[in-house]
Amino acid sequence: MKTSDFDYYLPEELIAQTPLKERDHSKLLVLDKNTGDISHERFDNIINYLNKGDVLVINNSKVIPARLIGIKEETNATIEILMLKDLGDDIWQCLCKPARRVKVGTIINFENILKAKCVSEGEDGIRNFKFIYDGIFLEILDKLGEMPLPPYIHEKLNDKSRYQTVYAKINGSAAAPTAGFHFTEELLTKIKEKEIIITEVTLHVGLGTFRPVSEDDITNHKMHSEYYQMSEETADILNLAKKENRRIISVGTTTTRTLETIMNLYGKFKECSGWTDIFIYPGYKFKAIDSLITNFHLPKSTLVMLVCAFAGKDNIMNAYKKAVDNKYRFFSFGDSMFIK
């Protein structure tokens, strides 16, 4: 399979630059993966497609203000870093630009409140930094850092909370699990009142989200690893749902990758944590999920490959064409799809 097989036409004006005023008023394209049938809804009508006993699995990871702009102490050059992965002991894997200016030993100063010392170099702009500070690190980040919006978003985000889900609580992501943006507290309450179970996993979104597929042959693409965690409570809920043949509905590709990773490792759900670099593309046999709520993804991305694996490439490409024809909004702040 070629990366070019997963390309599609998208007018630039359909790339959403700002979130809608009302989260749950986004458009919802409903795709039947078995028949290819498509219908058009508003997202708050998702509740009509959820049944008593279904299990809705959400990713509770919270985006940290991971984009920092500082000054290289030796030369006063401006350096931008994007914090990707917490390696422990105040050392973070970061994406750095211009990376050529940052060598081992380089110190970057952020408003004399925070310093970052390069302790090792990686490929493709990756550097590991040791952060030096007084006080509470996350409070310092809240003061200095910016939300790491994707490069295709050019508008300023006035409300940081709009690049979070309403249920975000575990700090650690460098990008949001955007499929969850459409849920409000009120909608989640209505879902629970319909006796649909909502349970949580954690996957901290990292470099995989920012790296395009550069290989012509997709099987040569290497995913970067991301940290995931599942509680005993969630494992028990999901195992019982499997036993009773109730639907497991994944909210987002990050949740999907977590659930599929655990099923591949253990053949069941269990309390666990670790790092996953699972790459799901057509030919993959899904073991964990029955349905998927997701946004519209970038052409030739690992995410569009995942949804093609789940619903069939022809179905997805047809759905994306229909979404373009109907002026759906694409990518992080865009509209939603429910694959049933």
Protein backbone atom coordinates (compact mmCIF):
# COMPACT_ATOMS: atom_id res chain seq x y z
CA MET A 1 0.00 0.00 0.00
CA LYS A 2 1.21 3.44 -0.96
CA THR A 3 0.87 6.57 1.12
CA SER A 4 -0.60 8.27 -1.96
CA ASP A 5 -3.52 5.79 -1.81
CA PHE A 6 -4.78 7.73 1.23
CA ASP A 7 -4.79 11.17 -0.33
CA TYR A 8 -7.98 13.11 -1.02
CA TYR A 9 -9.03 16.54 -2.27
CA LEU A 10 -9.68 19.12 0.44
CA PRO A 11 -10.29 22.82 -0.22
CA GLU A 12 -8.22 24.89 2.20
CA GLU A 13 -11.26 26.88 3.32
CA LEU A 14 -12.72 23.72 4.92
CA ILE A 15 -9.84 23.46 7.43
CA ALA A 16 -11.45 24.71 10.64
CA GLN A 17 -9.48 27.56 12.20
CA THR A 18 -11.58 28.13 15.31
CA PRO A 19 -13.90 26.00 17.46
CA LEU A 20 -17.65 26.41 17.15
CA LYS A 21 -19.35 28.45 19.86
CA GLU A 22 -21.34 25.37 20.94
CA ARG A 23 -19.24 22.21 21.13
CA ASP A 24 -22.07 19.79 20.39
CA HIS A 25 -23.48 21.76 17.43
CA SER A 26 -20.85 20.46 15.03
CA LYS A 27 -21.99 18.39 12.06
CA LEU A 28 -22.02 14.61 12.45
CA LEU A 29 -21.61 12.29 9.48
CA VAL A 30 -22.93 8.82 10.34
CA LEU A 31 -21.33 6.00 8.33
CA ASP A 32 -22.49 2.39 8.35
CA LYS A 33 -19.26 0.47 7.83
CA ASN A 34 -21.10 -2.61 6.57
CA THR A 35 -23.25 -0.98 3.91
CA GLY A 36 -21.47 2.32 3.27
CA ASP A 37 -24.73 4.20 3.92
CA ILE A 38 -24.30 7.81 5.06
CA SER A 39 -26.58 10.19 6.93
CA HIS A 40 -26.03 13.73 8.16
CA GLU A 41 -26.82 14.86 11.71
CA ARG A 42 -25.82 17.38 14.34
CA PHE A 43 -23.46 16.00 16.98
CA ASP A 44 -25.85 16.25 19.91
CA ASN A 45 -28.05 13.74 18.06
CA ILE A 46 -25.33 11.10 18.59
CA ILE A 47 -27.41 9.99 21.55
CA ASN A 48 -29.97 8.56 19.10
CA TYR A 49 -27.31 6.16 17.81
CA LEU A 50 -26.26 4.95 21.26
CA ASN A 51 -28.08 2.09 22.96
CA LYS A 52 -28.62 1.09 26.58
CA GLY A 53 -25.67 -1.07 27.66
CA ASP A 54 -23.21 0.41 25.14
CA VAL A 55 -19.81 1.34 26.59
CA LEU A 56 -18.38 4.69 25.49
CA VAL A 57 -14.60 4.86 26.05
CA ILE A 58 -12.98 8.29 26.31
CA ASN A 59 -9.35 9.44 26.57
CA ASN A 60 -8.97 11.61 29.69
CA SER A 61 -5.52 12.95 28.78
CA LYS A 62 -5.07 16.69 29.27
CA VAL A 63 -3.01 18.90 26.97
CA ILE A 64 -0.24 20.82 28.68
CA PRO A 65 0.80 24.27 27.35
CA ALA A 66 3.77 22.54 25.76
CA ARG A 67 4.98 25.17 23.28
CA LEU A 68 7.77 27.33 24.72
CA ILE A 69 9.75 30.11 23.04
CA GLY A 70 13.03 31.10 24.66
CA ILE A 71 16.49 32.55 24.12
CA LYS A 72 19.69 30.55 23.65
CA GLU A 73 21.99 31.86 26.37
CA GLU A 74 25.22 31.86 24.34
CA THR A 75 23.89 33.74 21.30
CA ASN A 76 20.47 35.21 22.14
CA ALA A 77 18.99 33.22 19.23
CA THR A 78 15.27 32.54 19.51
CA ILE A 79 14.51 28.84 19.99
CA GLU A 80 11.08 27.19 19.99
CA ILE A 81 10.51 23.85 21.69
CA LEU A 82 7.49 21.58 21.81
CA MET A 83 7.45 19.26 24.82
CA LEU A 84 6.46 15.77 23.69
CA LYS A 85 7.26 13.15 26.31
CA ASP A 86 8.04 13.21 30.03
CA LEU A 87 11.11 11.00 30.51
CA GLY A 88 11.24 11.53 34.28
CA ASP A 89 13.58 13.56 36.53
CA ASP A 90 12.52 16.81 34.79
CA ILE A 91 13.86 15.53 31.46
CA TRP A 92 11.55 15.88 28.46
CA GLN A 93 11.78 14.77 24.86
CA CYS A 94 11.11 17.86 22.75
CA LEU A 95 10.76 18.88 19.14
CA CYS A 96 13.08 21.81 18.63
CA LYS A 97 13.51 24.49 15.96
CA PRO A 98 15.83 25.56 14.62
CA ALA A 99 17.34 22.30 15.90
CA ARG A 100 20.70 22.92 14.23
CA ARG A 101 21.38 25.65 16.81
CA VAL A 102 20.85 23.32 19.76
CA LYS A 103 23.66 20.95 20.76
CA VAL A 104 24.34 19.01 23.95
CA GLY A 105 25.04 21.58 26.66
CA THR A 106 22.96 24.36 25.06
CA ILE A 107 20.90 26.25 27.65
CA ILE A 108 17.65 27.97 26.69
CA ASN A 109 16.26 30.66 28.98
CA PHE A 110 12.52 31.32 29.26
CA GLU A 111 11.97 34.77 30.80
CA ASN A 112 14.46 34.00 33.61
CA ILE A 113 11.80 31.78 35.19
CA LEU A 114 12.66 28.48 33.51
CA LYS A 115 15.77 27.08 31.86
CA ALA A 116 16.21 24.01 29.66
CA LYS A 117 19.59 22.34 29.17
CA CYS A 118 20.05 20.01 26.19
CA VAL A 119 21.28 16.65 27.47
CA SER A 120 21.08 14.58 24.27
CA GLU A 121 20.35 14.90 20.56
CA GLY A 122 18.04 12.80 18.40
CA GLU A 123 17.00 12.78 14.76
CA ASP A 124 14.49 15.02 12.97
CA GLY A 125 14.73 17.94 15.38
CA ILE A 126 14.36 15.88 18.56
CA ARG A 127 16.33 17.01 21.63
CA ASN A 128 16.09 15.91 25.25
CA PHE A 129 16.13 18.77 27.77
CA LYS A 130 16.64 18.89 31.51
CA PHE A 131 14.37 21.62 32.93
CA ILE A 132 15.72 23.81 35.75
CA TYR A 133 13.27 25.86 37.83
CA ASP A 134 12.06 26.82 41.30
CA GLY A 135 8.46 26.09 42.26
CA ILE A 136 5.80 23.91 40.66
CA PHE A 137 6.57 22.94 37.07
CA LEU A 138 2.99 22.87 35.73
CA GLU A 139 2.28 26.30 37.24
CA ILE A 140 5.36 27.66 35.46
CA LEU A 141 4.21 26.07 32.20
CA ASP A 142 0.77 27.65 32.59
CA LYS A 143 2.47 31.03 32.84
CA LEU A 144 5.04 30.63 30.04
CA GLY A 145 3.68 28.02 27.66
CA GLU A 146 1.25 28.18 24.78
CA MET A 147 -1.20 25.53 23.66
CA PRO A 148 0.51 23.45 20.95
CA LEU A 149 -1.99 24.06 18.17
CA PRO A 150 -1.36 22.13 14.93
CA PRO A 151 0.49 24.01 12.17
CA TYR A 152 -2.60 24.19 9.93
CA ILE A 153 -4.38 26.40 12.51
CA HIS A 154 -3.42 30.03 11.93
CA GLU A 155 -5.98 31.81 14.10
CA LYS A 156 -5.17 32.69 17.70
CA LEU A 157 -7.05 30.62 20.29
CA ASN A 158 -8.54 33.02 22.81
CA ASP A 159 -9.84 30.38 25.22
CA LYS A 160 -7.27 27.69 26.12
CA SER A 161 -10.02 25.41 27.42
CA ARG A 162 -11.33 24.93 23.88
CA TYR A 163 -8.23 22.89 23.05
CA GLN A 164 -9.23 20.46 25.82
CA THR A 165 -12.06 18.01 26.17
CA VAL A 166 -14.47 18.79 29.02
CA TYR A 167 -13.33 15.57 30.72
CA ALA A 168 -9.56 16.13 30.43
CA LYS A 169 -7.81 15.53 33.75
CA ILE A 170 -4.46 13.68 33.41
CA ASN A 171 -1.71 16.09 32.30
CA GLY A 172 0.66 14.90 29.60
CA SER A 173 -0.48 15.40 25.99
CA ALA A 174 1.25 17.54 23.38
CA ALA A 175 -1.93 17.51 21.28
CA ALA A 176 -5.58 17.04 22.12
CA PRO A 177 -7.65 13.90 21.55
CA THR A 178 -9.90 16.00 19.35
CA ALA A 179 -12.76 13.52 18.76
CA GLY A 180 -13.87 14.34 22.30
CA PHE A 181 -14.18 18.09 21.68
CA HIS A 182 -17.85 17.69 20.68
CA PHE A 183 -19.03 16.44 24.06
CA THR A 184 -20.48 18.80 26.66
CA GLU A 185 -21.19 18.06 30.31
CA GLU A 186 -24.91 18.21 29.51
CA LEU A 187 -24.63 15.72 26.65
CA LEU A 188 -22.55 13.32 28.77
CA THR A 189 -25.22 13.49 31.48
CA LYS A 190 -27.95 12.64 28.95
CA ILE A 191 -25.88 9.71 27.69
CA LYS A 192 -25.51 8.34 31.21
CA GLU A 193 -29.24 8.80 31.83
CA LYS A 194 -29.86 6.51 28.84
CA GLU A 195 -27.89 3.82 30.76
CA ILE A 196 -24.89 4.02 28.46
CA ILE A 197 -21.68 3.40 30.39
CA ILE A 198 -18.86 5.93 30.06
CA THR A 199 -15.38 4.79 31.06
CA GLU A 200 -11.88 6.23 30.66
CA VAL A 201 -8.40 5.36 29.46
CA THR A 202 -5.35 7.59 29.16
CA LEU A 203 -3.11 8.00 26.14
CA HIS A 204 -0.78 11.00 26.11
CA VAL A 205 -0.67 12.21 22.53
CA GLY A 206 2.89 12.79 21.37
CA LEU A 207 5.08 13.02 18.30
CA GLY A 208 3.06 10.57 16.19
CA THR A 209 0.43 13.27 15.77
CA PHE A 210 2.95 15.75 14.33
CA ARG A 211 4.88 13.42 12.06
CA PRO A 212 3.57 12.98 8.50
CA VAL A 213 4.08 9.66 6.72
CA SER A 214 7.19 10.30 4.64
CA GLU A 215 7.62 6.75 3.30
CA ASP A 216 6.06 5.83 -0.06
CA ASP A 217 5.33 2.33 1.24
CA ILE A 218 3.26 2.74 4.41
CA THR A 219 4.63 -0.47 5.93
CA ASN A 220 8.02 1.27 6.25
CA HIS A 221 6.58 4.03 8.45
CA LYS A 222 7.63 3.90 12.10
CA MET A 223 5.29 5.29 14.77
CA HIS A 224 6.73 7.05 17.82
CA SER A 225 5.68 5.56 21.13
CA GLU A 226 3.07 7.16 23.40
CA TYR A 227 2.25 6.42 27.03
CA TYR A 228 -1.06 4.72 27.86
CA GLN A 229 -2.83 3.53 30.99
CA MET A 230 -5.95 1.51 31.82
CA SER A 231 -7.49 1.10 35.27
CA GLU A 232 -8.84 -2.14 36.73
CA GLU A 233 -12.33 -0.61 36.78
CA THR A 234 -12.25 0.17 33.05
CA ALA A 235 -10.83 -3.29 32.25
CA ASP A 236 -13.65 -4.97 34.18
CA ILE A 237 -16.33 -2.86 32.44
CA LEU A 238 -14.91 -3.66 28.99
CA ASN A 239 -14.39 -7.38 29.62
CA LEU A 240 -17.98 -7.72 30.78
CA ALA A 241 -19.21 -5.84 27.71
CA LYS A 242 -17.26 -8.23 25.48
CA LYS A 243 -18.68 -11.24 27.32
CA GLU A 244 -22.24 -9.94 26.94
CA ASN A 245 -21.76 -8.87 23.29
CA ARG A 246 -22.46 -5.21 24.06
CA ARG A 247 -20.90 -2.54 21.85
CA ILE A 248 -17.61 -0.88 22.76
CA ILE A 249 -17.61 2.58 21.18
CA SER A 250 -14.24 4.31 21.05
CA VAL A 251 -14.07 8.10 21.16
CA GLY A 252 -11.11 8.90 18.95
CA THR A 253 -8.13 7.23 17.35
CA THR A 254 -6.05 7.65 20.52
CA THR A 255 -8.57 5.65 22.55
CA THR A 256 -8.72 3.08 19.75
CA ARG A 257 -4.96 2.63 19.69
CA THR A 258 -4.94 2.14 23.47
CA LEU A 259 -7.70 -0.48 23.44
CA GLU A 260 -6.26 -2.37 20.48
CA THR A 261 -2.77 -2.33 22.00
CA ILE A 262 -4.01 -3.92 25.22
CA MET A 263 -6.08 -6.57 23.41
CA ASN A 264 -3.10 -7.46 21.20
CA LEU A 265 -0.84 -7.84 24.23
CA TYR A 266 -3.13 -9.74 26.59
CA GLY A 267 -6.09 -11.06 24.61
CA LYS A 268 -8.37 -9.23 27.05
CA PHE A 269 -8.57 -5.92 28.85
CA LYS A 270 -6.56 -5.55 32.03
CA GLU A 271 -5.15 -2.94 34.38
CA CYS A 272 -1.87 -1.92 32.80
CA SER A 273 0.30 0.90 31.54
CA GLY A 274 3.12 1.18 29.04
CA TRP A 275 4.20 2.63 25.71
CA THR A 276 2.54 1.89 22.40
CA ASP A 277 3.72 2.44 18.84
CA ILE A 278 0.86 0.51 17.24
CA PHE A 279 0.27 1.48 13.60
CA ILE A 280 -3.16 0.48 12.31
CA TYR A 281 -3.74 0.41 8.56
CA PRO A 282 -5.94 -1.62 6.17
CA GLY A 283 -5.56 -5.33 6.73
CA TYR A 284 -5.56 -4.93 10.51
CA LYS A 285 -8.17 -7.05 12.33
CA PHE A 286 -9.84 -5.08 15.12
CA LYS A 287 -10.16 -6.96 18.40
CA ALA A 288 -11.35 -4.31 20.86
CA ILE A 289 -13.85 -1.85 19.37
CA ASP A 290 -17.20 -2.09 17.60
CA SER A 291 -17.85 1.55 16.68
CA LEU A 292 -15.81 4.74 16.46
CA ILE A 293 -16.43 8.46 16.97
CA THR A 294 -13.73 10.44 15.20
CA ASN A 295 -12.94 13.70 13.39
CA PHE A 296 -11.91 14.15 9.75
CA HIS A 297 -8.18 13.55 9.40
CA LEU A 298 -5.33 14.89 7.29
CA PRO A 299 -4.73 13.35 3.86
CA LYS A 300 -2.05 10.63 3.84
CA SER A 301 -1.93 10.54 7.67
CA THR A 302 -1.71 7.50 9.94
CA LEU A 303 -5.12 8.53 11.32
CA VAL A 304 -6.91 8.36 7.98
CA MET A 305 -5.24 4.97 7.48
CA LEU A 306 -6.68 3.80 10.81
CA VAL A 307 -10.25 4.78 9.92
CA CYS A 308 -9.82 3.16 6.49
CA ALA A 309 -8.77 -0.04 8.27
CA PHE A 310 -11.90 0.14 10.43
CA ALA A 311 -14.57 1.09 7.89
CA GLY A 312 -13.01 0.16 4.55
CA LYS A 313 -11.00 2.49 2.34
CA ASP A 314 -13.73 2.93 -0.29
CA ASN A 315 -16.33 3.76 2.39
CA ILE A 316 -14.05 6.33 4.03
CA MET A 317 -12.99 8.01 0.80
CA ASN A 318 -16.63 8.24 -0.27
CA ALA A 319 -17.61 9.66 3.14
CA TYR A 320 -14.82 12.24 2.97
CA LYS A 321 -15.96 13.27 -0.52
CA LYS A 322 -19.52 13.67 0.78
CA ALA A 323 -18.19 15.70 3.72
CA VAL A 324 -16.35 18.03 1.33
CA ASP A 325 -19.47 18.35 -0.84
CA ASN A 326 -21.54 19.23 2.24
CA LYS A 327 -18.99 21.78 3.50
CA TYR A 328 -18.02 19.91 6.64
CA ARG A 329 -15.22 21.47 8.69
CA PHE A 330 -12.03 19.38 8.84
CA PHE A 331 -9.29 18.49 11.35
CA SER A 332 -8.89 19.44 15.01
CA PHE A 333 -11.64 22.07 15.37
CA GLY A 334 -13.76 20.47 12.65
CA ASP A 335 -16.82 18.27 12.49
CA SER A 336 -17.33 14.67 13.53
CA MET A 337 -17.99 11.20 12.13
CA PHE A 338 -19.65 8.22 13.79
CA ILE A 339 -18.70 4.89 12.22
CA LYS A 340 -21.24 2.30 13.35
